[in-house]
């Protein structure tokens, strides 16, 4: 099994009252970019690249939305763990 076949996922809930707007989308993308793995966010079947601010904004994820976070690649586990922490750390008022 090659390292590129590593696929990891997690489910996160958006807690901030404004949902996934420009500021948190920018923070997620900046955090995701250094990872080698392909990282995606999924909401209601719509999949976007977590390294794309615009892509994340198209999800129109509101407060309380459940997002599936997944990564595939050599650092997938670290990417998912780090991004889940970032998303879950958004304050209610962010």
C-alpha atoms as a PDB file:
ATOM      1  CA  UNK A   1       0.000   0.000   0.000  1.00  0.00           C
ATOM      2  CA  UNK A   2       1.465   3.342  -1.013  1.00  0.00           C
ATOM      3  CA  UNK A   3       1.547   6.382   1.252  1.00  0.00           C
ATOM      4  CA  UNK A   4      -0.660   8.268  -1.226  1.00  0.00           C
ATOM      5  CA  UNK A   5      -3.437   5.778  -0.521  1.00  0.00           C
ATOM      6  CA  UNK A   6      -3.804   7.053   3.065  1.00  0.00           C
ATOM      7  CA  UNK A   7      -7.310   8.456   3.420  1.00  0.00           C
ATOM      8  CA  UNK A   8      -8.616   9.930   6.653  1.00  0.00           C
ATOM      9  CA  UNK A   9     -11.878  11.650   7.496  1.00  0.00           C
ATOM     10  CA  UNK A  10     -13.666  13.412  10.334  1.00  0.00           C
ATOM     11  CA  UNK A  11     -16.968  15.111  10.938  1.00  0.00           C
ATOM     12  CA  UNK A  12     -17.005  18.644  12.358  1.00  0.00           C
ATOM     13  CA  UNK A  13     -19.809  20.992  13.339  1.00  0.00           C
ATOM     14  CA  UNK A  14     -19.595  24.692  12.530  1.00  0.00           C
ATOM     15  CA  UNK A  15     -20.167  26.591  15.769  1.00  0.00           C
ATOM     16  CA  UNK A  16     -19.718  30.253  14.908  1.00  0.00           C
ATOM     17  CA  UNK A  17     -22.950  32.178  14.434  1.00  0.00           C
ATOM     18  CA  UNK A  18     -21.997  33.551  11.000  1.00  0.00           C
ATOM     19  CA  UNK A  19     -21.172  30.155   9.514  1.00  0.00           C
ATOM     20  CA  UNK A  20     -18.339  29.558   7.066  1.00  0.00           C
ATOM     21  CA  UNK A  21     -17.692  33.105   5.860  1.00  0.00           C
ATOM     22  CA  UNK A  22     -14.535  34.710   4.466  1.00  0.00           C
ATOM     23  CA  UNK A  23     -12.478  34.907   7.666  1.00  0.00           C
ATOM     24  CA  UNK A  24     -12.783  31.264   8.747  1.00  0.00           C
ATOM     25  CA  UNK A  25     -12.542  30.067   5.129  1.00  0.00           C
ATOM     26  CA  UNK A  26      -9.272  31.981   4.782  1.00  0.00           C
ATOM     27  CA  UNK A  27      -7.912  30.466   7.997  1.00  0.00           C
ATOM     28  CA  UNK A  28      -8.865  26.953   6.880  1.00  0.00           C
ATOM     29  CA  UNK A  29      -7.257  27.443   3.447  1.00  0.00           C
ATOM     30  CA  UNK A  30      -4.063  28.908   4.947  1.00  0.00           C
ATOM     31  CA  UNK A  31      -3.834  25.993   7.367  1.00  0.00           C
ATOM     32  CA  UNK A  32      -4.506  23.422   4.622  1.00  0.00           C
ATOM     33  CA  UNK A  33      -2.096  24.732   1.964  1.00  0.00           C
ATOM     34  CA  UNK A  34       1.182  23.456   3.516  1.00  0.00           C
ATOM     35  CA  UNK A  35      -0.080  19.861   3.606  1.00  0.00           C
ATOM     36  CA  UNK A  36       0.830  17.598   0.686  1.00  0.00           C
ATOM     37  CA  UNK A  37      -2.457  15.703   0.916  1.00  0.00           C
ATOM     38  CA  UNK A  38      -5.597  16.543  -1.039  1.00  0.00           C
ATOM     39  CA  UNK A  39      -8.049  17.932   1.499  1.00  0.00           C
ATOM     40  CA  UNK A  40     -11.761  18.405   0.994  1.00  0.00           C
ATOM     41  CA  UNK A  41     -14.821  19.618   2.853  1.00  0.00           C
ATOM     42  CA  UNK A  42     -18.242  18.184   2.092  1.00  0.00           C
ATOM     43  CA  UNK A  43     -21.656  19.568   3.020  1.00  0.00           C
ATOM     44  CA  UNK A  44     -24.892  17.987   1.814  1.00  0.00           C
ATOM     45  CA  UNK A  45     -23.045  16.068  -0.898  1.00  0.00           C
ATOM     46  CA  UNK A  46     -21.205  19.113  -2.260  1.00  0.00           C
ATOM     47  CA  UNK A  47     -17.444  18.566  -2.155  1.00  0.00           C
ATOM     48  CA  UNK A  48     -14.937  21.430  -2.282  1.00  0.00           C
ATOM     49  CA  UNK A  49     -11.173  21.794  -1.988  1.00  0.00           C
ATOM     50  CA  UNK A  50     -10.270  22.939   1.538  1.00  0.00           C
ATOM     51  CA  UNK A  51      -7.357  24.865   0.047  1.00  0.00           C
ATOM     52  CA  UNK A  52      -9.789  27.068  -1.917  1.00  0.00           C
ATOM     53  CA  UNK A  53     -11.432  29.984  -0.107  1.00  0.00           C
ATOM     54  CA  UNK A  54     -13.937  30.467  -2.917  1.00  0.00           C
ATOM     55  CA  UNK A  55     -14.798  26.779  -2.962  1.00  0.00           C
ATOM     56  CA  UNK A  56     -15.560  26.794   0.754  1.00  0.00           C
ATOM     57  CA  UNK A  57     -17.748  29.882   0.434  1.00  0.00           C
ATOM     58  CA  UNK A  58     -19.895  28.074  -2.160  1.00  0.00           C
ATOM     59  CA  UNK A  59     -20.900  25.577   0.541  1.00  0.00           C
ATOM     60  CA  UNK A  60     -23.012  28.295   2.212  1.00  0.00           C
ATOM     61  CA  UNK A  61     -22.423  26.496   5.505  1.00  0.00           C
ATOM     62  CA  UNK A  62     -24.389  28.085   8.325  1.00  0.00           C
ATOM     63  CA  UNK A  63     -23.959  27.817  12.076  1.00  0.00           C
ATOM     64  CA  UNK A  64     -24.699  24.253  13.143  1.00  0.00           C
ATOM     65  CA  UNK A  65     -23.826  22.760   9.745  1.00  0.00           C
ATOM     66  CA  UNK A  66     -22.098  19.394   9.814  1.00  0.00           C
ATOM     67  CA  UNK A  67     -19.088  19.209   7.506  1.00  0.00           C
ATOM     68  CA  UNK A  68     -17.185  16.108   6.475  1.00  0.00           C
ATOM     69  CA  UNK A  69     -13.475  16.766   6.395  1.00  0.00           C
ATOM     70  CA  UNK A  70     -11.339  14.324   4.435  1.00  0.00           C
ATOM     71  CA  UNK A  71      -7.766  14.105   3.274  1.00  0.00           C
ATOM     72  CA  UNK A  72      -5.862  11.708   1.092  1.00  0.00           C
ATOM     73  CA  UNK A  73      -2.097  11.596   0.915  1.00  0.00           C
ATOM     74  CA  UNK A  74       1.074  11.132   2.925  1.00  0.00           C
ATOM     75  CA  UNK A  75       0.126  13.552   5.722  1.00  0.00           C
ATOM     76  CA  UNK A  76      -3.644  12.959   5.674  1.00  0.00           C
ATOM     77  CA  UNK A  77      -4.030  12.100   9.371  1.00  0.00           C
ATOM     78  CA  UNK A  78      -2.129  15.186  10.499  1.00  0.00           C
ATOM     79  CA  UNK A  79      -4.058  17.383   8.041  1.00  0.00           C
ATOM     80  CA  UNK A  80      -7.466  16.176   9.245  1.00  0.00           C
ATOM     81  CA  UNK A  81      -6.487  16.443  12.901  1.00  0.00           C
ATOM     82  CA  UNK A  82      -5.118  19.971  12.468  1.00  0.00           C
ATOM     83  CA  UNK A  83      -8.038  21.256  10.399  1.00  0.00           C
ATOM     84  CA  UNK A  84     -10.639  19.699  12.699  1.00  0.00           C
ATOM     85  CA  UNK A  85      -9.002  21.547  15.603  1.00  0.00           C
ATOM     86  CA  UNK A  86      -9.034  24.812  13.632  1.00  0.00           C
ATOM     87  CA  UNK A  87     -12.694  24.465  12.640  1.00  0.00           C
ATOM     88  CA  UNK A  88     -13.795  23.445  16.121  1.00  0.00           C
ATOM     89  CA  UNK A  89     -11.837  26.308  17.681  1.00  0.00           C
ATOM     90  CA  UNK A  90     -13.880  28.998  15.898  1.00  0.00           C
ATOM     91  CA  UNK A  91     -15.577  31.011  18.574  1.00  0.00           C
ATOM     92  CA  UNK A  92     -19.330  31.429  18.416  1.00  0.00           C
ATOM     93  CA  UNK A  93     -18.742  35.047  17.394  1.00  0.00           C
ATOM     94  CA  UNK A  94     -15.993  34.496  14.755  1.00  0.00           C
END
